[in-house]
Amino acid sequence: MKLIIIFLTSLLLTGCAGGGLSNTNENAYVAGSGSAIYINQADRKDAPIISGETLTSGEKTLNRNQVTVINVWASWCAPCRAEAPLLQDFSVQYPEVQFAGVLTRDNISSAKAFYENFKITYPTFIDDSLLIGFKGSLIPNAIPTTLIIDKQGKVAVRISGEATVASFRKMLEMVIADA
């Protein structure tokens, strides 16, 4: 199991075609199916502290005592473009929930254009090594991946691939209700 986690993490962080953050080849990513996994409270693992430089607002550290949505994305990723308006809308509809992105395998100028185009108001961290901290839990395994962290700082949900309105709302409301 540990070997699988290491393999998936390295695949996500380096991609099939290599190149790290500067790779913009849309054909070289692992696509998810949009499937959601919900973890019962007793079985959840701690999420890492999410802290670092953001795309537009300098250094930031997320609050660990608040329901948090983390979206792993890249500007070249078609499913990321499709779900960006959904996540932005939900970030406004649920002001009690903390939203943040983690940019992966992208360049900063393209990411900033994406951010402005979709009028994203929540922060996006530009250091995708933050994702390594999710090992032992529900690791981000595709681009996009959306994680929901509960008020106790534990990973509760992973949506692997493009999030839909219905599945995202259901998962988010389940985690909010857990508190």
N, C-alpha and C. Protein backbone atom coordinates (compact mmCIF):
# COMPACT_ATOMS: atom_id res chain seq x y z
N MET A 1 0.83 -1.19 0.00
CA MET A 1 0.00 0.00 0.00
C MET A 1 0.87 1.26 0.00
N LYS A 2 1.94 1.24 0.83
CA LYS A 2 2.83 2.40 0.90
C LYS A 2 3.47 2.66 -0.46
N LEU A 3 3.83 1.59 -1.16
CA LEU A 3 4.44 1.72 -2.49
C LEU A 3 3.46 2.35 -3.47
N ILE A 4 2.19 1.97 -3.38
CA ILE A 4 1.16 2.54 -4.26
C ILE A 4 1.01 4.03 -4.00
N ILE A 5 0.98 4.42 -2.72
CA ILE A 5 0.84 5.83 -2.36
C ILE A 5 2.02 6.63 -2.90
N ILE A 6 3.23 6.10 -2.74
CA ILE A 6 4.42 6.79 -3.24
C ILE A 6 4.35 6.93 -4.76
N PHE A 7 3.95 5.85 -5.44
CA PHE A 7 3.84 5.89 -6.90
C PHE A 7 2.82 6.93 -7.35
N LEU A 8 1.62 6.92 -6.74
CA LEU A 8 0.58 7.87 -7.15
C LEU A 8 0.99 9.31 -6.87
N THR A 9 1.63 9.54 -5.73
CA THR A 9 2.08 10.89 -5.41
C THR A 9 3.13 11.36 -6.41
N SER A 10 4.08 10.49 -6.72
CA SER A 10 5.11 10.90 -7.68
C SER A 10 4.53 11.09 -9.07
N LEU A 11 3.55 10.28 -9.45
CA LEU A 11 2.90 10.44 -10.75
C LEU A 11 2.19 11.78 -10.83
N LEU A 12 1.46 12.13 -9.77
CA LEU A 12 0.76 13.40 -9.76
C LEU A 12 1.72 14.58 -9.81
N LEU A 13 2.79 14.50 -9.04
CA LEU A 13 3.70 15.64 -8.96
C LEU A 13 4.63 15.77 -10.16
N THR A 14 4.94 14.68 -10.82
CA THR A 14 5.85 14.77 -11.95
C THR A 14 5.16 14.60 -13.29
N GLY A 15 4.05 13.90 -13.31
CA GLY A 15 3.29 13.70 -14.54
C GLY A 15 3.93 12.69 -15.47
N CYS A 16 3.16 12.20 -16.38
CA CYS A 16 3.63 11.17 -17.31
C CYS A 16 4.73 11.69 -18.23
N ALA A 17 4.67 12.96 -18.59
CA ALA A 17 5.64 13.49 -19.53
C ALA A 17 6.77 14.25 -18.85
N GLY A 18 6.76 14.27 -17.52
CA GLY A 18 7.81 14.98 -16.80
C GLY A 18 7.64 16.47 -16.91
N GLY A 19 8.58 17.21 -16.36
CA GLY A 19 8.59 18.64 -16.56
C GLY A 19 8.13 19.47 -15.39
N GLY A 20 7.58 18.89 -14.34
CA GLY A 20 7.20 19.66 -13.16
C GLY A 20 6.20 20.75 -13.48
N LEU A 21 6.30 21.88 -12.82
CA LEU A 21 5.34 22.96 -12.95
C LEU A 21 5.35 23.62 -14.33
N SER A 22 6.40 23.47 -15.07
CA SER A 22 6.45 24.15 -16.36
C SER A 22 5.80 23.34 -17.49
N ASN A 23 5.41 22.10 -17.22
CA ASN A 23 4.81 21.27 -18.25
C ASN A 23 3.39 21.73 -18.55
N THR A 24 3.08 22.03 -19.79
CA THR A 24 1.74 22.47 -20.15
C THR A 24 1.11 21.54 -21.16
N ASN A 25 1.56 20.31 -21.23
CA ASN A 25 1.01 19.33 -22.16
C ASN A 25 -0.26 18.73 -21.58
N GLU A 26 -1.42 19.12 -22.10
CA GLU A 26 -2.69 18.68 -21.57
C GLU A 26 -2.90 17.18 -21.72
N ASN A 27 -2.20 16.54 -22.59
CA ASN A 27 -2.35 15.10 -22.77
C ASN A 27 -1.54 14.30 -21.77
N ALA A 28 -0.78 14.94 -20.91
CA ALA A 28 0.12 14.24 -20.00
C ALA A 28 -0.35 14.36 -18.55
N TYR A 29 -1.61 14.08 -18.30
CA TYR A 29 -2.09 14.12 -16.93
C TYR A 29 -3.01 12.94 -16.67
N VAL A 30 -3.18 12.64 -15.39
CA VAL A 30 -4.07 11.56 -14.99
C VAL A 30 -5.45 12.17 -14.78
N ALA A 31 -6.42 11.73 -15.55
CA ALA A 31 -7.78 12.25 -15.43
C ALA A 31 -8.56 11.38 -14.47
N GLY A 32 -9.37 12.01 -13.65
CA GLY A 32 -10.24 11.27 -12.75
C GLY A 32 -11.63 11.16 -13.33
N SER A 33 -12.43 10.33 -12.72
CA SER A 33 -13.78 10.07 -13.22
C SER A 33 -14.83 10.95 -12.55
N GLY A 34 -14.43 11.74 -11.57
CA GLY A 34 -15.39 12.53 -10.82
C GLY A 34 -15.95 11.75 -9.64
N SER A 35 -15.40 10.56 -9.38
CA SER A 35 -15.91 9.75 -8.27
C SER A 35 -15.52 10.39 -6.95
N ALA A 36 -16.42 10.26 -5.98
CA ALA A 36 -16.20 10.85 -4.67
C ALA A 36 -16.07 9.74 -3.63
N ILE A 37 -15.14 9.93 -2.71
CA ILE A 37 -14.95 9.02 -1.59
C ILE A 37 -15.18 9.83 -0.31
N TYR A 38 -16.10 9.36 0.53
CA TYR A 38 -16.37 9.96 1.84
C TYR A 38 -15.83 9.01 2.90
N ILE A 39 -15.07 9.55 3.85
CA ILE A 39 -14.49 8.75 4.92
C ILE A 39 -15.27 9.02 6.21
N ASN A 40 -15.67 7.97 6.90
CA ASN A 40 -16.33 8.12 8.19
C ASN A 40 -15.40 8.81 9.17
N GLN A 41 -15.97 9.59 10.09
CA GLN A 41 -15.17 10.40 11.01
C GLN A 41 -14.11 9.58 11.75
N ALA A 42 -14.44 8.40 12.21
CA ALA A 42 -13.51 7.59 12.99
C ALA A 42 -12.29 7.13 12.17
N ASP A 43 -12.42 7.10 10.85
CA ASP A 43 -11.36 6.58 9.99
C ASP A 43 -10.53 7.66 9.30
N ARG A 44 -10.80 8.91 9.56
CA ARG A 44 -10.10 10.00 8.89
C ARG A 44 -8.70 10.21 9.41
N LYS A 45 -7.84 10.65 8.51
CA LYS A 45 -6.44 10.95 8.84
C LYS A 45 -6.22 12.46 8.80
N ASP A 46 -5.22 12.92 9.54
CA ASP A 46 -4.91 14.35 9.57
C ASP A 46 -4.48 14.86 8.21
N ALA A 47 -4.97 16.02 7.87
CA ALA A 47 -4.50 16.74 6.68
C ALA A 47 -3.23 17.49 7.08
N PRO A 48 -2.36 17.76 6.13
CA PRO A 48 -1.18 18.56 6.47
C PRO A 48 -1.58 20.02 6.69
N ILE A 49 -0.70 20.76 7.32
CA ILE A 49 -0.90 22.20 7.41
C ILE A 49 -0.66 22.76 6.02
N ILE A 50 -1.60 23.54 5.53
CA ILE A 50 -1.49 24.13 4.20
C ILE A 50 -1.02 25.57 4.38
N SER A 51 0.20 25.82 3.97
CA SER A 51 0.82 27.12 4.19
C SER A 51 1.86 27.36 3.11
N GLY A 52 1.96 28.60 2.67
CA GLY A 52 2.99 28.94 1.70
C GLY A 52 2.60 30.12 0.84
N GLU A 53 3.36 30.29 -0.22
CA GLU A 53 3.13 31.41 -1.13
C GLU A 53 1.93 31.11 -2.03
N THR A 54 1.10 32.12 -2.22
CA THR A 54 -0.07 31.98 -3.08
C THR A 54 0.15 32.71 -4.40
N LEU A 55 -0.71 32.42 -5.33
CA LEU A 55 -0.62 32.98 -6.68
C LEU A 55 -0.78 34.50 -6.69
N THR A 56 -1.65 35.02 -5.83
CA THR A 56 -1.96 36.45 -5.91
C THR A 56 -1.89 37.21 -4.59
N SER A 57 -1.84 36.50 -3.47
CA SER A 57 -1.98 37.22 -2.20
C SER A 57 -0.84 36.98 -1.21
N GLY A 58 0.34 36.64 -1.68
CA GLY A 58 1.48 36.46 -0.79
C GLY A 58 1.38 35.19 0.04
N GLU A 59 2.01 35.20 1.20
CA GLU A 59 2.03 34.04 2.10
C GLU A 59 0.69 33.89 2.81
N LYS A 60 0.28 32.64 2.99
CA LYS A 60 -0.98 32.36 3.68
C LYS A 60 -0.88 31.01 4.37
N THR A 61 -1.56 30.88 5.50
CA THR A 61 -1.71 29.62 6.21
C THR A 61 -3.20 29.41 6.43
N LEU A 62 -3.70 28.25 6.04
CA LEU A 62 -5.12 27.97 6.20
C LEU A 62 -5.44 27.62 7.65
N ASN A 63 -6.64 27.97 8.06
CA ASN A 63 -7.15 27.68 9.39
C ASN A 63 -7.49 26.20 9.49
N ARG A 64 -6.92 25.51 10.46
CA ARG A 64 -7.18 24.06 10.62
C ARG A 64 -8.49 23.77 11.32
N ASN A 65 -9.16 24.75 11.90
CA ASN A 65 -10.40 24.53 12.64
C ASN A 65 -11.62 24.98 11.86
N GLN A 66 -11.55 24.82 10.56
CA GLN A 66 -12.64 25.26 9.68
C GLN A 66 -12.76 24.25 8.55
N VAL A 67 -13.99 23.94 8.16
CA VAL A 67 -14.16 23.07 7.00
C VAL A 67 -13.45 23.74 5.83
N THR A 68 -12.66 22.96 5.11
CA THR A 68 -11.81 23.50 4.05
C THR A 68 -11.93 22.67 2.79
N VAL A 69 -12.04 23.34 1.66
CA VAL A 69 -12.04 22.70 0.35
C VAL A 69 -10.71 23.03 -0.32
N ILE A 70 -9.99 21.99 -0.72
CA ILE A 70 -8.72 22.16 -1.44
C ILE A 70 -8.91 21.60 -2.84
N ASN A 71 -8.67 22.43 -3.85
CA ASN A 71 -8.80 21.99 -5.24
C ASN A 71 -7.43 22.02 -5.90
N VAL A 72 -7.01 20.87 -6.43
CA VAL A 72 -5.74 20.75 -7.15
C VAL A 72 -6.05 20.96 -8.63
N TRP A 73 -5.40 21.95 -9.25
CA TRP A 73 -5.75 22.31 -10.62
C TRP A 73 -4.55 22.79 -11.42
N ALA A 74 -4.78 22.93 -12.72
CA ALA A 74 -3.82 23.53 -13.66
C ALA A 74 -4.62 24.25 -14.74
N SER A 75 -4.07 25.32 -15.26
CA SER A 75 -4.80 26.13 -16.25
C SER A 75 -5.05 25.39 -17.56
N TRP A 76 -4.19 24.45 -17.92
CA TRP A 76 -4.29 23.73 -19.18
C TRP A 76 -5.27 22.55 -19.11
N CYS A 77 -5.77 22.26 -17.94
CA CYS A 77 -6.63 21.09 -17.69
C CYS A 77 -8.09 21.43 -17.99
N ALA A 78 -8.65 20.78 -19.01
CA ALA A 78 -10.04 21.06 -19.42
C ALA A 78 -11.04 20.82 -18.29
N PRO A 79 -10.97 19.72 -17.53
CA PRO A 79 -11.91 19.56 -16.42
C PRO A 79 -11.74 20.63 -15.34
N CYS A 80 -10.52 21.14 -15.18
CA CYS A 80 -10.30 22.23 -14.21
C CYS A 80 -11.03 23.48 -14.66
N ARG A 81 -10.95 23.76 -15.96
CA ARG A 81 -11.67 24.92 -16.51
C ARG A 81 -13.17 24.74 -16.35
N ALA A 82 -13.66 23.52 -16.54
CA ALA A 82 -15.10 23.26 -16.44
C ALA A 82 -15.60 23.43 -15.01
N GLU A 83 -14.80 23.03 -14.02
CA GLU A 83 -15.29 23.09 -12.64
C GLU A 83 -14.96 24.40 -11.93
N ALA A 84 -14.12 25.24 -12.49
CA ALA A 84 -13.72 26.49 -11.83
C ALA A 84 -14.92 27.37 -11.46
N PRO A 85 -15.89 27.58 -12.36
CA PRO A 85 -17.05 28.41 -11.97
C PRO A 85 -17.85 27.78 -10.83
N LEU A 86 -17.97 26.47 -10.82
CA LEU A 86 -18.68 25.77 -9.75
C LEU A 86 -18.02 26.03 -8.40
N LEU A 87 -16.70 25.86 -8.34
CA LEU A 87 -15.99 26.05 -7.08
C LEU A 87 -16.06 27.50 -6.63
N GLN A 88 -15.92 28.44 -7.56
CA GLN A 88 -16.03 29.85 -7.21
C GLN A 88 -17.42 30.16 -6.65
N ASP A 89 -18.46 29.65 -7.31
CA ASP A 89 -19.84 29.87 -6.83
C ASP A 89 -20.03 29.29 -5.43
N PHE A 90 -19.54 28.08 -5.20
CA PHE A 90 -19.68 27.47 -3.89
C PHE A 90 -18.90 28.24 -2.83
N SER A 91 -17.76 28.81 -3.20
CA SER A 91 -16.99 29.58 -2.22
C SER A 91 -17.76 30.81 -1.74
N VAL A 92 -18.64 31.32 -2.59
CA VAL A 92 -19.49 32.45 -2.22
C VAL A 92 -20.73 31.96 -1.45
N GLN A 93 -21.32 30.86 -1.90
CA GLN A 93 -22.52 30.31 -1.26
C GLN A 93 -22.26 29.79 0.16
N TYR A 94 -21.03 29.37 0.42
CA TYR A 94 -20.67 28.80 1.72
C TYR A 94 -19.54 29.61 2.35
N PRO A 95 -19.85 30.82 2.84
CA PRO A 95 -18.79 31.67 3.40
C PRO A 95 -18.15 31.09 4.66
N GLU A 96 -18.82 30.15 5.32
CA GLU A 96 -18.27 29.53 6.51
C GLU A 96 -17.21 28.46 6.17
N VAL A 97 -17.09 28.14 4.89
CA VAL A 97 -16.13 27.14 4.43
C VAL A 97 -14.94 27.87 3.80
N GLN A 98 -13.75 27.40 4.11
CA GLN A 98 -12.52 27.96 3.57
C GLN A 98 -12.18 27.22 2.26
N PHE A 99 -11.99 27.95 1.19
CA PHE A 99 -11.62 27.37 -0.10
C PHE A 99 -10.20 27.77 -0.44
N ALA A 100 -9.47 26.86 -1.08
CA ALA A 100 -8.12 27.17 -1.55
C ALA A 100 -7.78 26.23 -2.71
N GLY A 101 -6.93 26.69 -3.57
CA GLY A 101 -6.43 25.87 -4.66
C GLY A 101 -4.97 25.52 -4.43
N VAL A 102 -4.54 24.47 -5.11
CA VAL A 102 -3.12 24.13 -5.18
C VAL A 102 -2.80 23.96 -6.66
N LEU A 103 -1.96 24.81 -7.17
CA LEU A 103 -1.55 24.77 -8.57
C LEU A 103 -0.54 23.65 -8.76
N THR A 104 -0.71 22.87 -9.82
CA THR A 104 0.24 21.81 -10.09
C THR A 104 0.59 21.78 -11.57
N ARG A 105 1.87 21.55 -11.86
CA ARG A 105 2.36 21.33 -13.22
C ARG A 105 1.91 22.42 -14.18
N ASP A 106 2.12 23.65 -13.79
CA ASP A 106 1.67 24.78 -14.61
C ASP A 106 2.67 25.91 -14.47
N ASN A 107 2.55 26.90 -15.33
CA ASN A 107 3.40 28.08 -15.18
C ASN A 107 2.57 29.21 -14.58
N ILE A 108 3.25 30.11 -13.90
CA ILE A 108 2.58 31.15 -13.12
C ILE A 108 1.77 32.10 -14.00
N SER A 109 2.29 32.49 -15.15
CA SER A 109 1.54 33.45 -15.99
C SER A 109 0.24 32.84 -16.52
N SER A 110 0.26 31.59 -16.93
CA SER A 110 -0.97 30.93 -17.39
C SER A 110 -1.96 30.77 -16.24
N ALA A 111 -1.43 30.43 -15.07
CA ALA A 111 -2.29 30.27 -13.90
C ALA A 111 -2.95 31.58 -13.51
N LYS A 112 -2.19 32.68 -13.56
CA LYS A 112 -2.78 33.99 -13.23
C LYS A 112 -3.87 34.37 -14.23
N ALA A 113 -3.66 34.07 -15.50
CA ALA A 113 -4.69 34.36 -16.51
C ALA A 113 -5.95 33.54 -16.23
N PHE A 114 -5.79 32.28 -15.89
CA PHE A 114 -6.92 31.40 -15.51
C PHE A 114 -7.66 32.01 -14.32
N TYR A 115 -6.91 32.37 -13.32
CA TYR A 115 -7.44 32.94 -12.08
C TYR A 115 -8.29 34.19 -12.37
N GLU A 116 -7.76 35.05 -13.22
CA GLU A 116 -8.48 36.28 -13.57
C GLU A 116 -9.68 35.97 -14.46
N ASN A 117 -9.51 35.09 -15.43
CA ASN A 117 -10.60 34.74 -16.34
C ASN A 117 -11.82 34.19 -15.60
N PHE A 118 -11.57 33.35 -14.60
CA PHE A 118 -12.68 32.74 -13.85
C PHE A 118 -13.04 33.53 -12.60
N LYS A 119 -12.38 34.68 -12.41
CA LYS A 119 -12.66 35.57 -11.28
C LYS A 119 -12.63 34.82 -9.94
N ILE A 120 -11.58 34.04 -9.77
CA ILE A 120 -11.40 33.26 -8.55
C ILE A 120 -11.05 34.21 -7.40
N THR A 121 -11.73 34.05 -6.28
CA THR A 121 -11.50 34.95 -5.14
C THR A 121 -10.78 34.27 -3.98
N TYR A 122 -10.68 32.95 -4.00
CA TYR A 122 -9.98 32.25 -2.91
C TYR A 122 -8.51 32.05 -3.30
N PRO A 123 -7.63 31.86 -2.31
CA PRO A 123 -6.20 31.75 -2.63
C PRO A 123 -5.84 30.43 -3.32
N THR A 124 -4.78 30.48 -4.10
CA THR A 124 -4.20 29.27 -4.70
C THR A 124 -2.73 29.23 -4.33
N PHE A 125 -2.32 28.11 -3.73
CA PHE A 125 -0.92 27.91 -3.37
C PHE A 125 -0.16 27.45 -4.60
N ILE A 126 1.06 27.95 -4.76
CA ILE A 126 1.82 27.64 -5.97
C ILE A 126 2.86 26.55 -5.76
N ASP A 127 2.97 26.03 -4.55
CA ASP A 127 3.94 24.97 -4.26
C ASP A 127 3.21 23.63 -4.16
N ASP A 128 3.23 22.85 -5.24
CA ASP A 128 2.49 21.60 -5.23
C ASP A 128 3.14 20.52 -4.38
N SER A 129 4.30 20.79 -3.79
CA SER A 129 4.87 19.82 -2.85
C SER A 129 4.03 19.72 -1.58
N LEU A 130 3.11 20.66 -1.38
CA LEU A 130 2.15 20.58 -0.27
C LEU A 130 1.35 19.27 -0.35
N LEU A 131 1.18 18.75 -1.55
CA LEU A 131 0.37 17.56 -1.75
C LEU A 131 0.99 16.31 -1.13
N ILE A 132 2.30 16.31 -0.97
CA ILE A 132 2.98 15.16 -0.36
C ILE A 132 2.47 14.94 1.06
N GLY A 133 2.06 16.02 1.73
CA GLY A 133 1.56 15.91 3.10
C GLY A 133 0.29 15.10 3.24
N PHE A 134 -0.37 14.79 2.14
CA PHE A 134 -1.61 14.01 2.19
C PHE A 134 -1.34 12.50 2.17
N LYS A 135 -0.08 12.08 2.07
CA LYS A 135 0.20 10.64 2.06
C LYS A 135 -0.34 10.02 3.34
N GLY A 136 -0.82 8.80 3.24
CA GLY A 136 -1.42 8.13 4.38
C GLY A 136 -2.88 8.46 4.54
N SER A 137 -3.38 9.31 3.67
CA SER A 137 -4.79 9.71 3.70
C SER A 137 -5.31 9.57 2.28
N LEU A 138 -6.27 10.38 1.93
CA LEU A 138 -6.78 10.42 0.55
C LEU A 138 -5.90 11.36 -0.25
N ILE A 139 -4.91 10.82 -0.92
CA ILE A 139 -3.99 11.66 -1.67
C ILE A 139 -4.66 12.16 -2.94
N PRO A 140 -4.34 13.38 -3.37
CA PRO A 140 -4.81 13.84 -4.67
C PRO A 140 -4.22 12.92 -5.74
N ASN A 141 -5.07 12.29 -6.54
CA ASN A 141 -4.59 11.29 -7.48
C ASN A 141 -4.91 11.59 -8.93
N ALA A 142 -5.41 12.78 -9.21
CA ALA A 142 -5.74 13.17 -10.57
C ALA A 142 -5.74 14.69 -10.62
N ILE A 143 -5.80 15.21 -11.81
CA ILE A 143 -5.96 16.66 -12.00
C ILE A 143 -7.25 16.84 -12.78
N PRO A 144 -8.25 17.46 -12.20
CA PRO A 144 -8.31 18.03 -10.86
C PRO A 144 -8.65 16.98 -9.80
N THR A 145 -8.34 17.32 -8.57
CA THR A 145 -8.81 16.59 -7.39
C THR A 145 -9.29 17.64 -6.41
N THR A 146 -10.42 17.36 -5.77
CA THR A 146 -10.93 18.25 -4.74
C THR A 146 -11.00 17.47 -3.44
N LEU A 147 -10.40 18.02 -2.41
CA LEU A 147 -10.41 17.42 -1.08
C LEU A 147 -11.24 18.30 -0.16
N ILE A 148 -11.98 17.66 0.74
CA ILE A 148 -12.71 18.41 1.77
C ILE A 148 -12.17 17.95 3.11
N ILE A 149 -11.74 18.92 3.90
CA ILE A 149 -11.14 18.68 5.21
C ILE A 149 -12.15 19.14 6.26
N ASP A 150 -12.36 18.32 7.28
CA ASP A 150 -13.34 18.66 8.31
C ASP A 150 -12.79 19.67 9.32
N LYS A 151 -13.63 20.07 10.29
CA LYS A 151 -13.25 21.08 11.28
C LYS A 151 -12.16 20.60 12.23
N GLN A 152 -11.91 19.30 12.26
CA GLN A 152 -10.86 18.76 13.10
C GLN A 152 -9.54 18.64 12.33
N GLY A 153 -9.51 19.14 11.10
CA GLY A 153 -8.28 19.10 10.30
C GLY A 153 -8.00 17.73 9.70
N LYS A 154 -9.05 16.94 9.50
CA LYS A 154 -8.89 15.60 8.94
C LYS A 154 -9.54 15.53 7.55
N VAL A 155 -8.91 14.76 6.66
CA VAL A 155 -9.41 14.63 5.30
C VAL A 155 -10.66 13.76 5.31
N ALA A 156 -11.77 14.33 4.83
CA ALA A 156 -13.06 13.65 4.86
C ALA A 156 -13.51 13.17 3.49
N VAL A 157 -13.14 13.90 2.43
CA VAL A 157 -13.66 13.60 1.08
C VAL A 157 -12.56 13.82 0.05
N ARG A 158 -12.59 12.98 -0.98
CA ARG A 158 -11.79 13.22 -2.18
C ARG A 158 -12.70 13.03 -3.38
N ILE A 159 -12.73 14.04 -4.24
CA ILE A 159 -13.40 13.93 -5.53
C ILE A 159 -12.28 13.90 -6.56
N SER A 160 -12.16 12.77 -7.23
CA SER A 160 -11.09 12.55 -8.18
C SER A 160 -11.60 12.84 -9.58
N GLY A 161 -11.18 13.97 -10.13
CA GLY A 161 -11.68 14.41 -11.43
C GLY A 161 -12.62 15.58 -11.23
N GLU A 162 -13.32 15.94 -12.30
CA GLU A 162 -14.19 17.10 -12.27
C GLU A 162 -15.35 16.90 -11.30
N ALA A 163 -15.51 17.86 -10.40
CA ALA A 163 -16.61 17.83 -9.44
C ALA A 163 -17.89 18.31 -10.14
N THR A 164 -18.99 17.64 -9.83
CA THR A 164 -20.29 18.08 -10.33
C THR A 164 -21.03 18.82 -9.22
N VAL A 165 -22.00 19.63 -9.57
CA VAL A 165 -22.75 20.39 -8.58
C VAL A 165 -23.36 19.45 -7.54
N ALA A 166 -24.05 18.42 -8.00
CA ALA A 166 -24.77 17.53 -7.08
C ALA A 166 -23.83 16.78 -6.14
N SER A 167 -22.77 16.18 -6.69
CA SER A 167 -21.87 15.40 -5.82
C SER A 167 -21.10 16.31 -4.88
N PHE A 168 -20.66 17.46 -5.38
CA PHE A 168 -19.89 18.36 -4.54
C PHE A 168 -20.76 18.89 -3.40
N ARG A 169 -21.97 19.34 -3.71
CA ARG A 169 -22.87 19.86 -2.67
C ARG A 169 -23.15 18.78 -1.62
N LYS A 170 -23.44 17.57 -2.06
CA LYS A 170 -23.74 16.47 -1.15
C LYS A 170 -22.56 16.21 -0.22
N MET A 171 -21.35 16.10 -0.77
CA MET A 171 -20.17 15.82 0.04
C MET A 171 -19.87 16.96 1.00
N LEU A 172 -19.95 18.20 0.51
CA LEU A 172 -19.67 19.36 1.36
C LEU A 172 -20.66 19.44 2.51
N GLU A 173 -21.94 19.25 2.23
CA GLU A 173 -22.95 19.33 3.28
C GLU A 173 -22.82 18.19 4.29
N MET A 174 -22.37 17.01 3.83
CA MET A 174 -22.13 15.92 4.77
C MET A 174 -21.00 16.27 5.74
N VAL A 175 -19.94 16.88 5.24
CA VAL A 175 -18.82 17.25 6.11
C VAL A 175 -19.22 18.39 7.05
N ILE A 176 -19.96 19.36 6.55
CA ILE A 176 -20.43 20.46 7.41
C ILE A 176 -21.31 19.89 8.52
N ALA A 177 -22.19 18.94 8.18
CA ALA A 177 -23.09 18.33 9.17
C ALA A 177 -22.33 17.50 10.21
N ASP A 178 -21.16 16.97 9.84
CA ASP A 178 -20.35 16.17 10.78
C ASP A 178 -19.98 16.99 12.02
N ALA A 179 -19.80 18.26 11.85
CA ALA A 179 -19.37 19.12 12.95
C ALA A 179 -20.51 19.26 13.92
